[in-house]
Amino acid sequence: MPKPAQPKRLAFAAALAALLAISLVAAGCGGSDDTASEGGGGGAGGLTIALLLPENETPRYETNDRPDFEDAVSEKCPDCEVIYFNAAGDAEKQQSQGEAALTKGADVLVLDPMDSKSAAAIAERANAQDVPVVSYDRLIENGEVDAYISFDNEKVGELQAETLANKLKEDGSPKGPVIMINGDPADPNAALFKAGAHKGFEAAGVDVAKEYDTPGWTAENAQREAQQAITALGNDGFAGIYAANDDTGGGAIAALKGAGINPEERPVTGQDATVAGLQRILAGQQYMTIYKAIPPQAEISAEIAIALAEGKEVPKDKVTEEINNGKTDVPSVLLDPIAVTKENVKSTVVADGFVSASELCTGPYAAACKEAGISG
């Protein structure tokens, strides 16, 4: 007589139960089944986190913010998936990307707005679908925002102005005057940098001779603005240039060179600690930049995004203050910026691994690196 088949059925049932248990464990980080991705991702069964960055002309977004955020999510929630979008400087494109993220089943949006006002529409659509929104680096205005992570941006402007004012005093021109090349008027951070810089210059008694807002933060627009100022003031009519970031600083320096002015004799500020900006600092052509440590910003943003996607509140121990965005008081985390000159490039951005010595110390900058104690 043949043996009964019951043991096989029991074995199959046991295997099925084990498989089901494994699948439940794998879903431990959240409740979305969406597996769509536009670059990066952790795997099906976990939360889906959409990261929407504004542009790719500024190097930090692709080389720092995106990988740092994806790494932080992967470490804190291995089964979570990051779907990534970059608006490439187009606010309308970012609107479409916000809709796409929601269609793909995003459980939370981490949004760095290309335009802080129009981005409110993205936040409102997300809110209508009960999807929380984390405003990353720039604050979305007049929209439903659950958290905001950035740096103390008014302090950024103050640091830039204070550092430039000290240099002008050393150079024997304590009152300047200076040319101000501000950031994009559509960027709320640019207004904060500008306000902080004015505060710093006023406190130091530095006069502003000419001032411009720079659409798109582009080097080309900054160069044209600086050329206009130099033409109006004359080559000897100003003592330095406040540039809101490294790209605009590069444009301002190009304008100095075009006018036959040695940039080593007219200090220029910057921000973002880009490789190009740091190389100009090492070579003596740009006086300073602002270093904003992106890894902690990305890490805190990832932690908050995961918590919100899981239906939890923003961790109270991370919140430094609440900021009103025109519609609501937003729990905010503001980090401290650092002023970087030639003297502390090694001990700040290089020591932190933000940029490597091999990136900085290429060809024409090798000697300048050696002088600064940086070996590549």
Protein backbone atom coordinates (compact mmCIF):
# COMPACT_ATOMS: atom_id res chain seq x y z
CA MET A 1 0.00 0.00 0.00
CA PRO A 2 1.41 3.45 -0.87
CA LYS A 3 2.35 5.84 1.94
CA PRO A 4 -0.08 8.65 2.67
CA ALA A 5 0.73 12.12 1.17
CA GLN A 6 -0.05 14.03 4.36
CA PRO A 7 3.60 14.64 5.39
CA LYS A 8 4.26 16.33 2.05
CA ARG A 9 1.24 18.57 2.48
CA LEU A 10 2.39 19.42 6.00
CA ALA A 11 5.88 20.20 4.75
CA PHE A 12 4.45 22.45 2.02
CA ALA A 13 2.23 24.25 4.50
CA ALA A 14 5.18 24.77 6.85
CA ALA A 15 7.26 26.17 4.01
CA LEU A 16 4.45 28.50 2.98
CA ALA A 17 4.06 29.73 6.55
CA ALA A 18 7.80 30.38 6.80
CA LEU A 19 7.75 32.31 3.52
CA LEU A 20 4.83 34.41 4.75
CA ALA A 21 6.69 35.19 7.99
CA ILE A 22 9.76 36.29 6.05
CA SER A 23 7.65 38.56 3.83
CA LEU A 24 6.07 40.19 6.88
CA VAL A 25 9.49 40.89 8.41
CA ALA A 26 10.69 42.35 5.11
CA ALA A 27 7.82 44.84 5.19
CA GLY A 28 8.97 46.13 8.58
CA CYS A 29 9.74 49.71 7.51
CA GLY A 30 6.33 50.73 6.20
CA GLY A 31 3.26 50.07 4.17
CA SER A 32 3.78 50.85 0.46
CA ASP A 33 3.97 48.18 -2.24
CA ASP A 34 5.17 50.64 -4.86
CA THR A 35 8.46 49.63 -6.47
CA ALA A 36 8.89 52.41 -9.03
CA SER A 37 12.17 54.29 -8.95
CA GLU A 38 13.96 57.01 -10.87
CA GLY A 39 17.39 56.33 -9.51
CA GLY A 40 18.19 54.61 -6.25
CA GLY A 41 15.92 52.53 -4.10
CA GLY A 42 15.81 50.02 -1.34
CA GLY A 43 13.33 47.39 -2.49
CA ALA A 44 9.69 46.44 -2.56
CA GLY A 45 7.60 46.17 0.56
CA GLY A 46 8.94 49.19 2.46
CA LEU A 47 8.20 52.88 2.44
CA THR A 48 8.55 54.90 -0.74
CA ILE A 49 10.34 58.21 -0.16
CA ALA A 50 10.45 60.79 -2.96
CA LEU A 51 13.45 63.13 -3.07
CA LEU A 52 12.89 66.14 -5.33
CA LEU A 53 15.89 68.44 -5.85
CA PRO A 54 15.73 71.77 -7.72
CA GLU A 55 18.62 71.87 -10.17
CA ASN A 56 21.87 70.28 -11.25
CA GLU A 57 23.99 73.31 -12.10
CA THR A 58 25.12 73.68 -8.49
CA PRO A 59 27.36 70.61 -7.97
CA ARG A 60 26.24 69.83 -4.42
CA TYR A 61 22.85 68.40 -5.37
CA GLU A 62 24.09 65.48 -7.44
CA THR A 63 27.45 64.93 -5.74
CA ASN A 64 26.39 65.41 -2.10
CA ASP A 65 22.71 65.85 -1.29
CA ARG A 66 21.36 62.96 -3.35
CA PRO A 67 23.91 60.27 -2.40
CA ASP A 68 24.05 61.39 1.24
CA PHE A 69 20.26 61.26 1.54
CA GLU A 70 20.00 57.88 -0.21
CA ASP A 71 22.76 56.45 1.99
CA ALA A 72 21.06 57.75 5.15
CA VAL A 73 17.72 56.21 4.15
CA SER A 74 19.39 52.92 3.26
CA GLU A 75 21.11 52.80 6.65
CA LYS A 76 18.02 53.70 8.69
CA CYS A 77 15.45 51.75 6.67
CA PRO A 78 17.01 49.11 4.38
CA ASP A 79 13.62 48.17 2.90
CA CYS A 80 12.68 51.73 2.07
CA GLU A 81 12.88 52.95 -1.50
CA VAL A 82 14.01 56.38 -2.67
CA ILE A 83 12.58 57.65 -5.94
CA TYR A 84 14.60 60.59 -7.17
CA PHE A 85 13.77 63.61 -9.32
CA ASN A 86 15.79 66.68 -10.35
CA ALA A 87 13.93 69.67 -11.81
CA ALA A 88 17.01 70.93 -13.72
CA GLY A 89 16.13 74.52 -12.83
CA ASP A 90 12.55 74.30 -14.13
CA ALA A 91 9.78 75.06 -11.60
CA GLU A 92 7.08 73.72 -13.94
CA LYS A 93 9.01 70.50 -14.38
CA GLN A 94 9.18 70.17 -10.60
CA GLN A 95 5.39 70.50 -10.47
CA SER A 96 5.10 67.54 -12.86
CA GLN A 97 7.67 65.59 -10.86
CA GLY A 98 5.69 66.18 -7.68
CA GLU A 99 2.61 64.75 -9.35
CA ALA A 100 4.64 61.80 -10.64
CA ALA A 101 5.99 61.09 -7.16
CA LEU A 102 2.47 60.96 -5.75
CA THR A 103 1.30 58.77 -8.63
CA LYS A 104 4.17 56.37 -7.93
CA GLY A 105 2.86 55.96 -4.40
CA ALA A 106 5.29 58.12 -2.42
CA ASP A 107 4.62 57.91 1.32
CA VAL A 108 6.45 61.20 1.93
CA LEU A 109 7.92 63.97 -0.23
CA VAL A 110 11.30 65.49 0.59
CA LEU A 111 11.18 68.61 -1.54
CA ASP A 112 13.81 71.27 -2.18
CA PRO A 113 11.71 73.80 -4.10
CA MET A 114 12.96 75.38 -7.30
CA ASP A 115 10.43 78.13 -6.65
CA SER A 116 9.30 78.36 -3.03
CA LYS A 117 5.95 79.93 -3.88
CA SER A 118 4.83 77.66 -6.73
CA ALA A 119 6.02 74.62 -4.77
CA ALA A 120 3.13 75.26 -2.38
CA ALA A 121 0.87 73.64 -5.00
CA ILE A 122 2.90 70.43 -4.73
CA ALA A 123 2.59 70.50 -0.95
CA GLU A 124 -1.16 71.07 -1.16
CA ARG A 125 -1.65 68.13 -3.55
CA ALA A 126 0.38 65.93 -1.24
CA ASN A 127 -1.63 67.09 1.77
CA ALA A 128 -4.88 66.26 -0.04
CA GLN A 129 -3.60 62.69 -0.34
CA ASP A 130 -2.41 62.59 3.29
CA VAL A 131 1.22 62.49 2.16
CA PRO A 132 3.52 64.50 4.48
CA VAL A 133 6.04 66.97 3.04
CA VAL A 134 9.55 67.73 4.28
CA SER A 135 10.89 71.05 3.01
CA TYR A 136 14.58 70.43 2.36
CA ASP A 137 17.15 73.26 2.38
CA ARG A 138 14.62 75.85 1.13
CA LEU A 139 11.33 76.61 2.84
CA ILE A 140 8.14 76.10 0.84
CA GLU A 141 6.00 79.20 1.34
CA ASN A 142 2.25 79.30 2.04
CA GLY A 143 1.77 75.54 1.86
CA GLU A 144 1.18 72.58 4.13
CA VAL A 145 4.65 71.58 5.28
CA ASP A 146 5.36 69.06 8.04
CA ALA A 147 9.04 69.79 8.64
CA TYR A 148 11.88 72.00 7.40
CA ILE A 149 15.59 71.13 7.49
CA SER A 150 18.20 73.68 6.48
CA PHE A 151 20.92 75.93 7.80
CA ASP A 152 20.61 79.23 9.61
CA ASN A 153 20.55 81.11 6.32
CA GLU A 154 20.53 84.60 7.73
CA LYS A 155 23.63 83.62 9.68
CA VAL A 156 25.19 82.49 6.39
CA GLY A 157 24.85 86.03 5.06
CA GLU A 158 26.17 87.51 8.29
CA LEU A 159 29.22 85.23 8.21
CA GLN A 160 29.93 86.17 4.62
CA ALA A 161 29.69 89.87 5.39
CA GLU A 162 31.67 89.67 8.63
CA THR A 163 34.47 87.68 7.01
CA LEU A 164 34.66 90.08 4.06
CA ALA A 165 34.53 93.11 6.38
CA ASN A 166 37.46 91.78 8.41
CA LYS A 167 39.47 91.30 5.22
CA LEU A 168 38.65 94.81 4.01
CA LYS A 169 39.83 96.17 7.36
CA GLU A 170 43.10 94.25 6.99
CA ASP A 171 43.48 95.68 3.50
CA GLY A 172 42.99 99.24 4.73
CA SER A 173 39.48 99.75 3.31
CA PRO A 174 37.23 99.24 6.37
CA LYS A 175 34.28 101.05 4.77
CA GLY A 176 34.59 99.31 1.41
CA PRO A 177 32.56 100.06 -0.59
CA VAL A 178 31.46 96.68 -1.94
CA ILE A 179 29.41 95.33 -4.82
CA MET A 180 26.68 92.89 -3.77
CA ILE A 181 25.84 90.01 -6.14
CA ASN A 182 22.91 88.33 -4.40
CA GLY A 183 21.16 85.07 -5.26
CA ASP A 184 18.04 84.20 -7.19
CA PRO A 185 15.04 86.32 -6.11
CA ALA A 186 12.80 83.24 -6.50
CA ASP A 187 14.80 81.42 -3.81
CA PRO A 188 13.67 82.26 -0.26
CA ASN A 189 17.13 81.41 1.04
CA ALA A 190 18.60 84.14 -1.16
CA ALA A 191 16.50 86.72 0.67
CA LEU A 192 17.80 85.43 4.00
CA PHE A 193 21.44 85.48 2.82
CA LYS A 194 20.89 89.03 1.59
CA ALA A 195 19.27 90.18 4.85
CA GLY A 196 22.07 88.64 6.89
CA ALA A 197 24.75 90.21 4.70
CA HIS A 198 23.19 93.66 5.02
CA LYS A 199 23.04 93.18 8.77
CA GLY A 200 26.72 92.20 8.84
CA PHE A 201 27.84 95.08 6.62
CA GLU A 202 25.82 97.60 8.63
CA ALA A 203 27.34 96.36 11.87
CA ALA A 204 30.84 96.64 10.40
CA GLY A 205 30.24 100.04 8.79
CA VAL A 206 30.78 98.76 5.24
CA ASP A 207 29.05 100.67 2.44
CA VAL A 208 27.29 98.97 -0.46
CA ALA A 209 27.90 100.78 -3.76
CA LYS A 210 25.93 98.56 -6.17
CA GLU A 211 23.60 95.62 -5.60
CA TYR A 212 21.99 93.03 -7.85
CA ASP A 213 19.78 89.94 -7.55
CA THR A 214 20.95 87.11 -9.81
CA PRO A 215 18.30 85.09 -11.67
CA GLY A 216 19.02 81.37 -11.60
CA TRP A 217 22.15 81.79 -9.48
CA THR A 218 24.14 81.51 -12.73
CA ALA A 219 27.75 82.54 -13.16
CA GLU A 220 26.87 84.19 -16.48
CA ASN A 221 24.28 86.49 -14.92
CA ALA A 222 26.62 87.28 -12.03
CA GLN A 223 29.43 88.14 -14.43
CA ARG A 224 27.18 90.51 -16.38
CA GLU A 225 26.01 92.20 -13.15
CA ALA A 226 29.56 92.61 -11.87
CA GLN A 227 30.65 94.04 -15.23
CA GLN A 228 27.83 96.60 -15.04
CA ALA A 229 28.90 97.59 -11.53
CA ILE A 230 32.57 97.89 -12.44
CA THR A 231 31.70 100.02 -15.47
CA ALA A 232 29.55 102.31 -13.33
CA LEU A 233 31.99 102.58 -10.40
CA GLY A 234 35.31 102.41 -12.21
CA ASN A 235 38.09 99.96 -11.48
CA ASP A 236 39.04 101.82 -8.30
CA GLY A 237 35.50 102.51 -7.13
CA PHE A 238 35.04 99.44 -4.94
CA ALA A 239 37.11 97.35 -2.52
CA GLY A 240 35.49 93.90 -2.72
CA ILE A 241 32.56 91.86 -3.95
CA TYR A 242 29.95 90.04 -1.91
CA ALA A 243 28.82 87.05 -3.99
CA ALA A 244 26.09 84.88 -2.49
CA ASN A 245 27.55 81.53 -3.62
CA ASP A 246 30.54 80.05 -5.40
CA ASP A 247 28.94 80.11 -8.84
CA THR A 248 28.12 83.81 -8.60
CA GLY A 249 31.56 84.34 -7.07
CA GLY A 250 33.12 82.68 -10.11
CA GLY A 251 31.16 85.02 -12.38
CA ALA A 252 32.25 88.05 -10.35
CA ILE A 253 35.89 86.97 -10.55
CA ALA A 254 35.59 86.54 -14.32
CA ALA A 255 34.30 90.13 -14.49
CA LEU A 256 37.28 91.34 -12.44
CA LYS A 257 39.70 89.63 -14.78
CA GLY A 258 37.83 91.02 -17.79
CA ALA A 259 38.28 94.53 -16.41
CA GLY A 260 42.00 93.95 -15.89
CA ILE A 261 41.68 93.75 -12.09
CA ASN A 262 43.70 91.17 -10.18
CA PRO A 263 41.14 89.19 -8.12
CA GLU A 264 43.78 88.58 -5.46
CA GLU A 265 43.52 92.30 -4.69
CA ARG A 266 39.71 92.41 -4.43
CA PRO A 267 38.29 89.86 -1.98
CA VAL A 268 35.24 87.94 -3.20
CA THR A 269 32.92 85.80 -1.09
CA GLY A 270 31.07 82.58 -1.92
CA GLN A 271 29.04 79.69 -0.50
CA ASP A 272 28.64 75.91 -0.87
CA ALA A 273 32.35 74.98 -0.70
CA THR A 274 32.37 73.71 -4.28
CA VAL A 275 35.57 72.22 -5.66
CA ALA A 276 35.94 75.16 -8.07
CA GLY A 277 35.35 77.67 -5.29
CA LEU A 278 37.82 75.98 -2.95
CA GLN A 279 40.43 75.83 -5.70
CA ARG A 280 40.04 79.55 -6.29
CA ILE A 281 40.44 80.11 -2.54
CA LEU A 282 43.63 78.04 -2.45
CA ALA A 283 44.93 79.97 -5.45
CA GLY A 284 44.10 83.30 -3.79
CA GLN A 285 41.46 84.39 -6.31
CA GLN A 286 38.41 83.96 -4.06
CA TYR A 287 38.67 84.97 -0.43
CA MET A 288 36.10 82.74 1.30
CA THR A 289 33.16 80.38 1.02
CA ILE A 290 30.55 78.98 3.38
CA TYR A 291 30.66 75.28 4.24
CA LYS A 292 27.33 73.71 5.07
CA ALA A 293 27.86 70.14 6.18
CA ILE A 294 25.38 68.25 3.99
CA PRO A 295 25.74 64.76 5.56
CA PRO A 296 24.04 65.76 8.85
CA GLN A 297 21.39 67.70 6.93
CA ALA A 298 20.66 64.66 4.74
CA GLU A 299 20.74 62.30 7.72
CA ILE A 300 18.30 64.33 9.80
CA SER A 301 16.04 64.77 6.76
CA ALA A 302 16.02 61.01 6.17
CA GLU A 303 15.21 60.32 9.82
CA ILE A 304 12.32 62.79 9.81
CA ALA A 305 11.02 61.58 6.44
CA ILE A 306 10.92 57.97 7.62
CA ALA A 307 9.15 58.93 10.85
CA LEU A 308 6.50 60.96 9.01
CA ALA A 309 5.95 58.21 6.44
CA GLU A 310 5.37 55.77 9.30
CA GLY A 311 2.67 58.06 10.68
CA LYS A 312 4.80 59.37 13.54
CA GLU A 313 5.54 62.95 14.58
CA VAL A 314 8.71 64.88 13.82
CA PRO A 315 11.25 63.85 16.51
CA LYS A 316 11.09 66.68 19.04
CA ASP A 317 14.74 66.32 20.01
CA LYS A 318 15.75 67.38 16.49
CA VAL A 319 13.63 70.54 16.28
CA THR A 320 15.51 73.79 16.98
CA GLU A 321 12.60 76.18 16.40
CA GLU A 322 9.33 76.70 14.56
CA ILE A 323 9.22 78.91 11.46
CA ASN A 324 6.03 80.32 9.96
CA ASN A 325 5.92 79.82 6.20
CA GLY A 326 2.92 82.09 5.68
CA LYS A 327 0.39 79.35 6.33
CA THR A 328 1.58 77.30 9.25
CA ASP A 329 4.26 77.06 11.94
CA VAL A 330 6.71 74.50 10.61
CA PRO A 331 8.87 72.39 12.99
CA SER A 332 12.37 73.28 11.81
CA VAL A 333 15.92 72.07 12.19
CA LEU A 334 18.51 74.78 11.49
CA LEU A 335 22.18 73.80 11.37
CA ASP A 336 25.20 76.07 11.77
CA PRO A 337 27.29 77.17 8.75
CA ILE A 338 31.09 77.55 8.79
CA ALA A 339 33.17 80.29 7.14
CA VAL A 340 36.07 78.82 5.13
CA THR A 341 39.20 80.68 4.04
CA LYS A 342 42.53 79.39 2.82
CA GLU A 343 43.65 78.94 6.42
CA ASN A 344 41.02 76.34 7.34
CA VAL A 345 40.22 74.49 4.08
CA LYS A 346 42.21 71.51 5.37
CA SER A 347 40.64 71.41 8.84
CA THR A 348 37.05 71.78 7.65
CA VAL A 349 35.94 70.48 4.25
CA VAL A 350 38.91 68.17 3.68
CA ALA A 351 38.97 66.81 7.24
CA ASP A 352 35.22 66.13 7.05
CA GLY A 353 35.59 64.30 3.75
CA PHE A 354 33.26 66.78 2.03
CA VAL A 355 35.86 67.06 -0.73
CA SER A 356 38.98 64.96 -1.17
CA ALA A 357 42.53 66.19 -1.52
CA SER A 358 42.74 64.43 -4.87
CA GLU A 359 39.75 66.46 -6.14
CA LEU A 360 41.26 69.76 -5.03
CA CYS A 361 44.91 69.27 -5.78
CA THR A 362 44.78 68.79 -9.53
CA GLY A 363 47.43 70.18 -11.89
CA PRO A 364 47.61 73.96 -11.42
CA TYR A 365 46.39 73.75 -7.81
CA ALA A 366 48.96 71.22 -6.57
CA ALA A 367 51.38 73.90 -5.37
CA ALA A 368 48.61 75.85 -3.63
CA CYS A 369 47.47 72.67 -1.88
CA LYS A 370 51.00 71.97 -0.70
CA GLU A 371 51.26 75.51 0.66
CA ALA A 372 47.98 74.94 2.59
CA GLY A 373 49.26 71.63 3.97
CA ILE A 374 46.94 69.54 1.82
CA SER A 375 48.47 66.56 0.07
CA GLY A 376 46.59 64.96 -2.81
